[in-house]
C-alpha atoms as a PDB file:
ATOM      1  CA  MET A   1     124.650  67.243  41.925  1.00  0.00           C
ATOM      2  CA  GLN A   2     125.201  71.052  39.901  1.00  0.00           C
ATOM      3  CA  LEU A   3     127.423  73.688  40.729  1.00  0.00           C
ATOM      4  CA  GLY A   4     125.290  76.428  39.193  1.00  0.00           C
ATOM      5  CA  ASN A   5     125.292  78.965  42.340  1.00  0.00           C
ATOM      6  CA  LEU A   6     128.558  77.949  43.591  1.00  0.00           C
ATOM      7  CA  ARG A   7     131.313  79.579  43.656  1.00  0.00           C
ATOM      8  CA  ARG A   8     133.640  77.525  45.622  1.00  0.00           C
ATOM      9  CA  ILE A   9     134.159  74.528  47.402  1.00  0.00           C
ATOM     10  CA  VAL A  10     136.571  73.413  49.930  1.00  0.00           C
ATOM     11  CA  LEU A  11     137.296  70.022  51.033  1.00  0.00           C
ATOM     12  CA  ARG A  12     139.198  69.240  54.318  1.00  0.00           C
ATOM     13  CA  PHE A  13     139.629  65.972  54.934  1.00  0.00           C
ATOM     14  CA  ARG A  14     142.565  63.441  55.934  1.00  0.00           C
ATOM     15  CA  PRO A  15     144.285  61.719  53.036  1.00  0.00           C
ATOM     16  CA  GLN A  16     142.917  57.804  54.148  1.00  0.00           C
ATOM     17  CA  ASP A  17     139.266  59.421  53.599  1.00  0.00           C
ATOM     18  CA  ARG A  18     137.517  57.363  51.056  1.00  0.00           C
ATOM     19  CA  SER A  19     134.164  59.817  51.663  1.00  0.00           C
ATOM     20  CA  ALA A  20     135.711  63.080  51.209  1.00  0.00           C
ATOM     21  CA  ARG A  21     137.519  61.249  47.988  1.00  0.00           C
ATOM     22  CA  GLU A  22     134.760  59.892  45.990  1.00  0.00           C
ATOM     23  CA  PHE A  23     132.715  64.041  46.737  1.00  0.00           C
ATOM     24  CA  LEU A  24     135.449  65.021  44.914  1.00  0.00           C
ATOM     25  CA  ALA A  25     135.230  62.882  42.185  1.00  0.00           C
ATOM     26  CA  ARG A  26     131.989  63.605  41.934  1.00  0.00           C
ATOM     27  CA  VAL A  27     131.908  67.077  42.834  1.00  0.00           C
ATOM     28  CA  VAL A  28     135.085  67.221  39.944  1.00  0.00           C
ATOM     29  CA  CYS A  29     132.724  64.829  37.464  1.00  0.00           C
ATOM     30  CA  GLN A  30     130.288  67.912  37.356  1.00  0.00           C
ATOM     31  CA  ARG A  31     132.464  70.289  36.891  1.00  0.00           C
ATOM     32  CA  ALA A  32     130.748  71.444  33.759  1.00  0.00           C
ATOM     33  CA  THR A  33     127.709  72.515  35.400  1.00  0.00           C
ATOM     34  CA  ASN A  34     129.998  75.575  36.358  1.00  0.00           C
ATOM     35  CA  PRO A  35     133.489  75.798  35.777  1.00  0.00           C
ATOM     36  CA  ASP A  36     134.197  79.154  37.842  1.00  0.00           C
ATOM     37  CA  CYS A  37     133.691  77.167  40.583  1.00  0.00           C
ATOM     38  CA  GLU A  38     136.752  77.273  42.309  1.00  0.00           C
ATOM     39  CA  ILE A  39     137.777  73.512  44.663  1.00  0.00           C
ATOM     40  CA  ASP A  40     140.355  73.797  46.832  1.00  0.00           C
ATOM     41  CA  ILE A  41     141.538  70.741  48.390  1.00  0.00           C
ATOM     42  CA  GLN A  42     143.070  70.320  52.234  1.00  0.00           C
ATOM     43  CA  LEU A  43     144.439  67.607  53.794  1.00  0.00           C
ATOM     44  CA  HIS A  44     145.146  67.548  57.307  1.00  0.00           C
ATOM     45  CA  ASP A  45     144.348  65.323  60.410  1.00  0.00           C
ATOM     46  CA  GLY A  46     141.482  67.140  61.737  1.00  0.00           C
ATOM     47  CA  ALA A  47     137.817  66.287  61.025  1.00  0.00           C
ATOM     48  CA  PRO A  48     136.454  66.479  57.890  1.00  0.00           C
ATOM     49  CA  SER A  49     134.221  69.285  56.439  1.00  0.00           C
ATOM     50  CA  VAL A  50     132.837  70.230  53.027  1.00  0.00           C
ATOM     51  CA  GLU A  51     132.939  74.650  53.212  1.00  0.00           C
ATOM     52  CA  VAL A  52     131.040  75.816  50.244  1.00  0.00           C
ATOM     53  CA  GLU A  53     130.493  79.289  49.271  1.00  0.00           C
ATOM     54  CA  PHE A  54     127.790  80.158  47.273  1.00  0.00           C
ATOM     55  CA  ASP A  55     127.856  83.174  44.482  1.00  0.00           C
ATOM     56  CA  THR A  56     126.046  85.090  46.864  1.00  0.00           C
ATOM     57  CA  LYS A  57     128.939  85.870  48.673  1.00  0.00           C
ATOM     58  CA  GLU A  58     127.419  83.568  52.104  1.00  0.00           C
ATOM     59  CA  VAL A  59     129.867  80.258  53.206  1.00  0.00           C
ATOM     60  CA  VAL A  60     127.840  77.194  54.871  1.00  0.00           C
ATOM     61  CA  ARG A  61     130.340  75.132  56.578  1.00  0.00           C
ATOM     62  CA  LEU A  62     129.374  71.311  57.484  1.00  0.00           C
ATOM     63  CA  GLU A  63     130.782  68.972  58.901  1.00  0.00           C
ATOM     64  CA  THR A  64     130.665  65.506  57.726  1.00  0.00           C
ATOM     65  CA  GLU A  65     132.563  63.207  59.666  1.00  0.00           C
ATOM     66  CA  GLY A  66     131.295  59.703  59.470  1.00  0.00           C
ATOM     67  CA  MET A  67     129.138  60.309  56.236  1.00  0.00           C
ATOM     68  CA  THR A  68     129.062  58.684  53.038  1.00  0.00           C
ATOM     69  CA  ALA A  69     130.418  60.320  49.498  1.00  0.00           C
ATOM     70  CA  GLY A  70     126.309  59.886  49.012  1.00  0.00           C
ATOM     71  CA  ASP A  71     125.277  61.503  52.267  1.00  0.00           C
ATOM     72  CA  ILE A  72     127.452  64.597  51.220  1.00  0.00           C
ATOM     73  CA  VAL A  73     126.715  65.096  47.426  1.00  0.00           C
ATOM     74  CA  ARG A  74     122.880  65.331  49.436  1.00  0.00           C
ATOM     75  CA  LEU A  75     123.676  67.679  51.734  1.00  0.00           C
ATOM     76  CA  VAL A  76     125.350  70.364  50.035  1.00  0.00           C
ATOM     77  CA  SER A  77     122.528  69.937  46.358  1.00  0.00           C
ATOM     78  CA  ASN A  78     119.965  70.648  49.049  1.00  0.00           C
ATOM     79  CA  LYS A  79     122.124  73.651  51.029  1.00  0.00           C
ATOM     80  CA  SER A  80     122.906  74.735  47.081  1.00  0.00           C
ATOM     81  CA  LYS A  81     118.488  74.167  46.047  1.00  0.00           C
ATOM     82  CA  GLU A  82     117.945  75.586  49.561  1.00  0.00           C
ATOM     83  CA  ARG A  83     119.820  79.296  48.051  1.00  0.00           C
ATOM     84  CA  GLU A  84     118.149  79.076  44.901  1.00  0.00           C
ATOM     85  CA  VAL A  85     114.888  79.074  46.884  1.00  0.00           C
ATOM     86  CA  MET A  86     115.893  81.749  48.556  1.00  0.00           C
ATOM     87  CA  GLU A  87     116.876  83.737  45.788  1.00  0.00           C
ATOM     88  CA  THR A  88     113.696  83.915  44.446  1.00  0.00           C
ATOM     89  CA  PHE A  89     111.758  84.293  47.643  1.00  0.00           C
ATOM     90  CA  GLU A  90     114.295  87.589  47.139  1.00  0.00           C
ATOM     91  CA  ARG A  91     113.907  88.709  43.791  1.00  0.00           C
ATOM     92  CA  ALA A  92     110.011  88.824  44.546  1.00  0.00           C
ATOM     93  CA  GLY A  93     110.532  90.670  47.383  1.00  0.00           C
ATOM     94  CA  TRP A  94     109.925  88.750  50.251  1.00  0.00           C
ATOM     95  CA  ARG A  95     111.550  88.223  53.233  1.00  0.00           C
ATOM     96  CA  LYS A  96     113.576  85.772  54.615  1.00  0.00           C
ATOM     97  CA  GLU A  97     111.956  86.377  57.919  1.00  0.00           C
ATOM     98  CA  MET A  98     108.514  86.245  56.212  1.00  0.00           C
ATOM     99  CA  ALA A  99     109.016  82.247  54.858  1.00  0.00           C
ATOM    100  CA  VAL A 100     106.618  80.175  56.871  1.00  0.00           C
ATOM    101  CA  VAL A 101     107.378  76.541  57.107  1.00  0.00           C
ATOM    102  CA  GLY A 102     105.436  73.914  58.496  1.00  0.00           C
ATOM    103  CA  GLY A 103     101.918  76.297  58.791  1.00  0.00           C
ATOM    104  CA  PRO A 104     101.036  77.466  62.060  1.00  0.00           C
ATOM    105  CA  ALA A 105     101.297  76.730  64.932  1.00  0.00           C
ATOM    106  CA  GLY A 106      98.961  74.053  66.379  1.00  0.00           C
ATOM    107  CA  GLY A 107      98.034  72.357  62.737  1.00  0.00           C
ATOM    108  CA  LYS A 108      95.049  74.081  62.370  1.00  0.00           C
ATOM    109  CA  TRP A 109      95.180  76.263  58.948  1.00  0.00           C
END
């Protein structure tokens, strides 16, 4: 998992939440990919979550109850890649509304 376009990661979890602790270890190991990325840990008794702030200041909060560390890594990585693709489109002059996902209605081109 690359931290390249991330400004901040906030992990909220219960101390006994093994998946969150494993995810934290993976994030710390990737710190070299973006040393400026802040990592904020908040221990509490509520539902676990990961909040990701991109370098564009966009914030995405992900509920992680019942997920493995691998699931959380994939989810954060996918959101990060999605943001990178959207930034590429925006730099090319495309607007979000212009993107077509899945092809035309009815499946015929």
